[in-house]
């Protein structure tokens, strides 16, 4: 039996990309999975491949929506919270970024974690057990030109994780983060396309320049991140840690 058998895991941003992949890995590891996202059709497609899964519609950056989600899921004993929801944000110099664009990135990438933890941590504290995994990024650890709001938000996720670990640890709840590097998928394709538009090159050149910074000289596969989340959850002594899954894209 897996140590995760019988536990209920809530995954945000679960309708596509990393969220869907992480949810599938948790399901295969024995978890009952609650899928949270904004697109009902995408959530349904992921749910169909997971036995006993449940889905809920929520914009996790909106306080009232997250409060309502907590009420909707009050019958679930959620013991794993994976805060994966987020956005890539604009790809342009900081001086060209509107304040609303900046705020949108922080709402999706940082405020959502605050709101979800505020809602779902108290029952874990009462039981004296639980896990939170926040999806950060190696971009929170090293420069990435024309991505200031994203980089700043992911650095904030790392700081939030480490501080929350000291609040939650004495309550029996482990808080960790995972920092993917460039993960193959729709989001990175978008980023490479926008970077090409900003630099005057091609998407292929933008990808090549990006992955050349990694020791393995390649993109990370989504399944590698999903497997890493499952592995982290099976190490009881891990708390306040951040794990790079970046093909070796370490800070300079």
Protein backbone atom coordinates (compact mmCIF):
# COMPACT_ATOMS: atom_id res chain seq x y z
CA UNK A 1 0.00 0.00 0.00
CA UNK A 2 1.09 3.56 -0.71
CA UNK A 3 1.42 5.93 2.26
CA UNK A 4 -1.04 8.13 0.37
CA UNK A 5 -3.79 5.48 0.17
CA UNK A 6 -7.10 6.81 1.44
CA UNK A 7 -6.03 10.45 1.77
CA UNK A 8 -7.95 13.23 0.04
CA UNK A 9 -5.90 15.70 -2.02
CA UNK A 10 -7.19 19.01 -3.33
CA UNK A 11 -5.38 20.34 -6.41
CA UNK A 12 -5.96 23.86 -7.73
CA UNK A 13 -5.56 24.71 -11.40
CA UNK A 14 -6.40 21.07 -12.02
CA UNK A 15 -8.14 21.42 -15.36
CA UNK A 16 -4.99 21.35 -17.48
CA UNK A 17 -1.21 21.35 -17.52
CA UNK A 18 0.69 20.58 -14.35
CA UNK A 19 -2.43 20.62 -12.20
CA UNK A 20 -4.06 17.84 -14.21
CA UNK A 21 -0.85 15.80 -14.26
CA UNK A 22 -0.27 16.19 -10.51
CA UNK A 23 -3.88 15.15 -9.87
CA UNK A 24 -3.46 12.02 -11.98
CA UNK A 25 -0.26 11.06 -10.17
CA UNK A 26 -1.93 11.52 -6.80
CA UNK A 27 -4.86 9.42 -7.94
CA UNK A 28 -2.57 6.61 -9.05
CA UNK A 29 -0.82 6.82 -5.68
CA UNK A 30 -4.10 6.06 -3.92
CA UNK A 31 -5.52 9.50 -3.14
CA UNK A 32 -9.09 10.58 -3.57
CA UNK A 33 -8.67 13.76 -5.60
CA UNK A 34 -10.67 16.98 -5.52
CA UNK A 35 -10.08 18.97 -8.70
CA UNK A 36 -10.49 22.74 -8.49
CA UNK A 37 -10.39 25.13 -11.43
CA UNK A 38 -12.35 27.64 -13.47
CA UNK A 39 -13.29 25.57 -16.55
CA UNK A 40 -15.97 22.93 -15.96
CA UNK A 41 -15.32 21.11 -19.23
CA UNK A 42 -11.61 20.71 -18.58
CA UNK A 43 -12.20 19.57 -15.01
CA UNK A 44 -14.71 16.99 -16.22
CA UNK A 45 -12.19 15.59 -18.71
CA UNK A 46 -9.60 15.14 -15.96
CA UNK A 47 -12.17 13.74 -13.53
CA UNK A 48 -13.26 11.07 -16.00
CA UNK A 49 -9.83 9.46 -15.75
CA UNK A 50 -9.75 9.40 -11.96
CA UNK A 51 -11.85 6.96 -9.93
CA UNK A 52 -13.86 8.57 -7.12
CA UNK A 53 -12.65 12.08 -8.03
CA UNK A 54 -14.68 15.23 -7.43
CA UNK A 55 -14.48 18.63 -9.07
CA UNK A 56 -15.44 22.14 -8.04
CA UNK A 57 -15.47 25.45 -9.92
CA UNK A 58 -13.61 28.28 -8.21
CA UNK A 59 -11.44 31.27 -8.99
CA UNK A 60 -9.00 30.76 -6.13
CA UNK A 61 -7.77 34.36 -6.30
CA UNK A 62 -11.17 35.68 -5.13
CA UNK A 63 -11.78 35.64 -1.35
CA UNK A 64 -15.55 35.11 -1.51
CA UNK A 65 -15.15 32.28 -4.02
CA UNK A 66 -12.65 30.45 -1.83
CA UNK A 67 -14.86 30.87 1.23
CA UNK A 68 -17.74 29.37 -0.76
CA UNK A 69 -15.47 26.54 -1.87
CA UNK A 70 -14.68 25.74 1.75
CA UNK A 71 -18.39 25.50 2.48
CA UNK A 72 -19.00 23.32 -0.59
CA UNK A 73 -16.25 20.91 0.44
CA UNK A 74 -17.02 20.87 4.15
CA UNK A 75 -17.87 17.17 3.90
CA UNK A 76 -14.38 16.30 2.62
CA UNK A 77 -11.46 15.51 4.93
CA UNK A 78 -8.81 17.20 2.85
CA UNK A 79 -5.36 16.31 4.16
CA UNK A 80 -3.26 17.33 1.13
CA UNK A 81 -3.50 20.78 -0.46
CA UNK A 82 -1.60 21.36 -3.69
CA UNK A 83 -1.58 25.05 -4.58
CA UNK A 84 -0.81 24.84 -8.28
CA UNK A 85 -3.06 27.53 -9.79
CA UNK A 86 -1.21 30.43 -11.35
CA UNK A 87 -0.53 32.51 -14.43
CA UNK A 88 2.57 33.33 -16.43
CA UNK A 89 1.80 37.02 -16.73
CA UNK A 90 3.15 39.51 -19.25
CA UNK A 91 6.41 39.08 -21.13
CA UNK A 92 7.77 42.61 -21.47
CA UNK A 93 10.03 45.08 -19.66
CA UNK A 94 8.92 46.20 -16.21
CA UNK A 95 8.46 49.82 -17.34
CA UNK A 96 5.82 48.66 -19.83
CA UNK A 97 3.83 46.60 -17.31
CA UNK A 98 0.56 48.13 -16.11
CA UNK A 99 -0.24 47.98 -12.38
CA UNK A 100 -3.32 45.88 -13.13
CA UNK A 101 -1.17 43.32 -14.95
CA UNK A 102 1.18 43.17 -11.98
CA UNK A 103 -1.71 42.75 -9.53
CA UNK A 104 -3.30 40.01 -11.64
CA UNK A 105 -0.12 37.93 -11.44
CA UNK A 106 0.19 38.31 -7.67
CA UNK A 107 -3.51 37.56 -7.18
CA UNK A 108 -3.27 34.30 -9.10
CA UNK A 109 0.17 33.18 -7.92
CA UNK A 110 0.35 34.38 -4.30
CA UNK A 111 -2.99 35.57 -2.95
CA UNK A 112 -4.59 32.31 -4.07
CA UNK A 113 -2.22 30.36 -1.79
CA UNK A 114 -3.05 32.63 1.15
CA UNK A 115 -6.78 32.20 0.57
CA UNK A 116 -6.65 28.42 0.12
CA UNK A 117 -4.45 27.92 3.18
CA UNK A 118 -6.62 30.24 5.28
CA UNK A 119 -9.64 28.13 4.37
CA UNK A 120 -8.27 24.57 4.41
CA UNK A 121 -5.50 24.62 7.02
CA UNK A 122 -7.69 24.99 10.15
CA UNK A 123 -9.25 21.49 9.83
CA UNK A 124 -5.75 20.05 9.34
CA UNK A 125 -4.63 21.83 12.50
CA UNK A 126 -7.58 20.35 14.38
CA UNK A 127 -6.63 16.84 13.25
CA UNK A 128 -2.92 17.46 13.81
CA UNK A 129 -1.88 16.22 10.38
CA UNK A 130 -1.71 17.35 6.77
CA UNK A 131 0.44 18.48 3.87
CA UNK A 132 0.62 21.62 1.75
CA UNK A 133 2.61 21.68 -1.48
CA UNK A 134 3.00 25.06 -3.16
CA UNK A 135 4.07 25.12 -6.81
CA UNK A 136 6.81 27.74 -7.10
CA UNK A 137 9.38 28.00 -9.92
CA UNK A 138 13.10 28.22 -10.51
CA UNK A 139 12.26 31.67 -11.87
CA UNK A 140 11.85 32.69 -8.23
CA UNK A 141 15.55 31.93 -7.74
CA UNK A 142 17.31 33.29 -10.80
CA UNK A 143 16.85 36.19 -13.24
CA UNK A 144 14.44 35.92 -16.14
CA UNK A 145 14.41 39.01 -18.35
CA UNK A 146 11.01 40.57 -19.14
CA UNK A 147 9.25 38.43 -16.49
CA UNK A 148 9.48 40.62 -13.38
CA UNK A 149 5.96 40.08 -11.95
CA UNK A 150 6.20 36.32 -12.44
CA UNK A 151 9.68 36.12 -10.91
CA UNK A 152 8.70 38.32 -7.98
CA UNK A 153 5.52 36.32 -7.34
CA UNK A 154 7.34 33.00 -7.35
CA UNK A 155 9.98 34.33 -4.97
CA UNK A 156 7.06 35.35 -2.74
CA UNK A 157 5.76 31.77 -2.88
CA UNK A 158 9.11 30.52 -1.58
CA UNK A 159 9.06 33.01 1.28
CA UNK A 160 5.44 32.18 2.10
CA UNK A 161 6.25 28.46 2.14
CA UNK A 162 9.22 28.74 4.48
CA UNK A 163 7.43 31.02 6.91
CA UNK A 164 4.19 29.03 6.90
CA UNK A 165 6.18 25.85 7.58
CA UNK A 166 7.10 27.28 10.98
CA UNK A 167 3.49 28.21 11.72
CA UNK A 168 2.02 24.90 10.56
CA UNK A 169 4.76 22.49 11.65
CA UNK A 170 3.91 22.63 15.37
CA UNK A 171 0.32 21.85 14.37
CA UNK A 172 1.44 18.64 12.64
CA UNK A 173 1.15 20.03 9.11
CA UNK A 174 4.06 19.91 6.67
CA UNK A 175 4.46 22.76 4.18
CA UNK A 176 6.82 22.43 1.22
CA UNK A 177 7.23 23.77 -2.28
CA UNK A 178 8.35 22.43 -5.61
CA UNK A 179 10.15 24.58 -8.18
CA UNK A 180 9.74 23.30 -11.73
CA UNK A 181 11.99 24.58 -14.46
CA UNK A 182 10.81 24.99 -18.05
CA UNK A 183 8.03 22.38 -18.31
CA UNK A 184 6.98 21.21 -21.74
CA UNK A 185 3.39 22.25 -22.41
CA UNK A 186 1.02 25.02 -23.45
CA UNK A 187 2.31 27.59 -20.96
CA UNK A 188 5.93 27.34 -22.06
CA UNK A 189 4.89 27.40 -25.72
CA UNK A 190 3.07 30.66 -24.98
CA UNK A 191 6.06 32.06 -23.14
CA UNK A 192 8.46 31.18 -25.95
CA UNK A 193 6.12 32.79 -28.47
CA UNK A 194 5.80 35.99 -26.43
CA UNK A 195 9.54 36.11 -25.80
CA UNK A 196 10.13 35.77 -29.54
CA UNK A 197 7.78 38.67 -30.22
CA UNK A 198 9.56 40.80 -27.60
CA UNK A 199 13.07 39.96 -28.80
CA UNK A 200 12.43 39.84 -32.54
CA UNK A 201 13.51 36.21 -32.83
CA UNK A 202 11.63 32.95 -33.28
CA UNK A 203 9.90 30.75 -30.73
CA UNK A 204 12.44 28.01 -31.48
CA UNK A 205 15.32 30.39 -30.72
CA UNK A 206 13.65 31.48 -27.49
CA UNK A 207 13.25 27.86 -26.40
CA UNK A 208 16.84 27.03 -27.31
CA UNK A 209 18.18 30.00 -25.34
CA UNK A 210 16.07 29.08 -22.34
CA UNK A 211 16.93 25.37 -22.08
CA UNK A 212 20.62 26.07 -22.71
CA UNK A 213 20.75 27.35 -19.12
CA UNK A 214 19.89 23.87 -17.77
CA UNK A 215 22.53 21.25 -16.98
CA UNK A 216 20.56 18.60 -18.88
CA UNK A 217 19.94 20.98 -21.79
CA UNK A 218 16.28 20.09 -22.11
CA UNK A 219 12.76 20.88 -20.99
CA UNK A 220 11.21 19.16 -17.98
CA UNK A 221 8.32 16.76 -18.65
CA UNK A 222 5.05 17.27 -16.77
CA UNK A 223 5.11 13.69 -15.49
CA UNK A 224 8.46 14.36 -13.81
CA UNK A 225 6.84 17.10 -11.73
CA UNK A 226 3.83 14.94 -10.89
CA UNK A 227 6.08 12.11 -9.72
CA UNK A 228 8.12 14.53 -7.62
CA UNK A 229 5.03 15.79 -5.79
CA UNK A 230 4.06 12.22 -4.89
CA UNK A 231 7.61 11.47 -3.74
CA UNK A 232 7.71 14.59 -1.53
CA UNK A 233 4.47 13.61 0.17
CA UNK A 234 5.96 10.25 1.14
CA UNK A 235 8.81 11.81 3.17
CA UNK A 236 7.31 12.61 6.61
CA UNK A 237 10.35 14.59 7.76
CA UNK A 238 10.26 17.07 4.87
CA UNK A 239 9.01 20.47 5.97
CA UNK A 240 9.93 23.97 4.84
CA UNK A 241 11.80 22.52 1.87
CA UNK A 242 11.85 23.44 -1.79
CA UNK A 243 12.66 20.84 -4.44
CA UNK A 244 13.96 21.81 -7.87
CA UNK A 245 12.69 19.80 -10.83
CA UNK A 246 14.39 21.87 -13.46
CA UNK A 247 16.74 19.67 -15.50
CA UNK A 248 19.53 21.41 -13.63
CA UNK A 249 18.48 25.03 -14.16
CA UNK A 250 20.01 26.17 -10.89
CA UNK A 251 20.63 29.69 -9.69
CA UNK A 252 23.86 31.22 -11.05
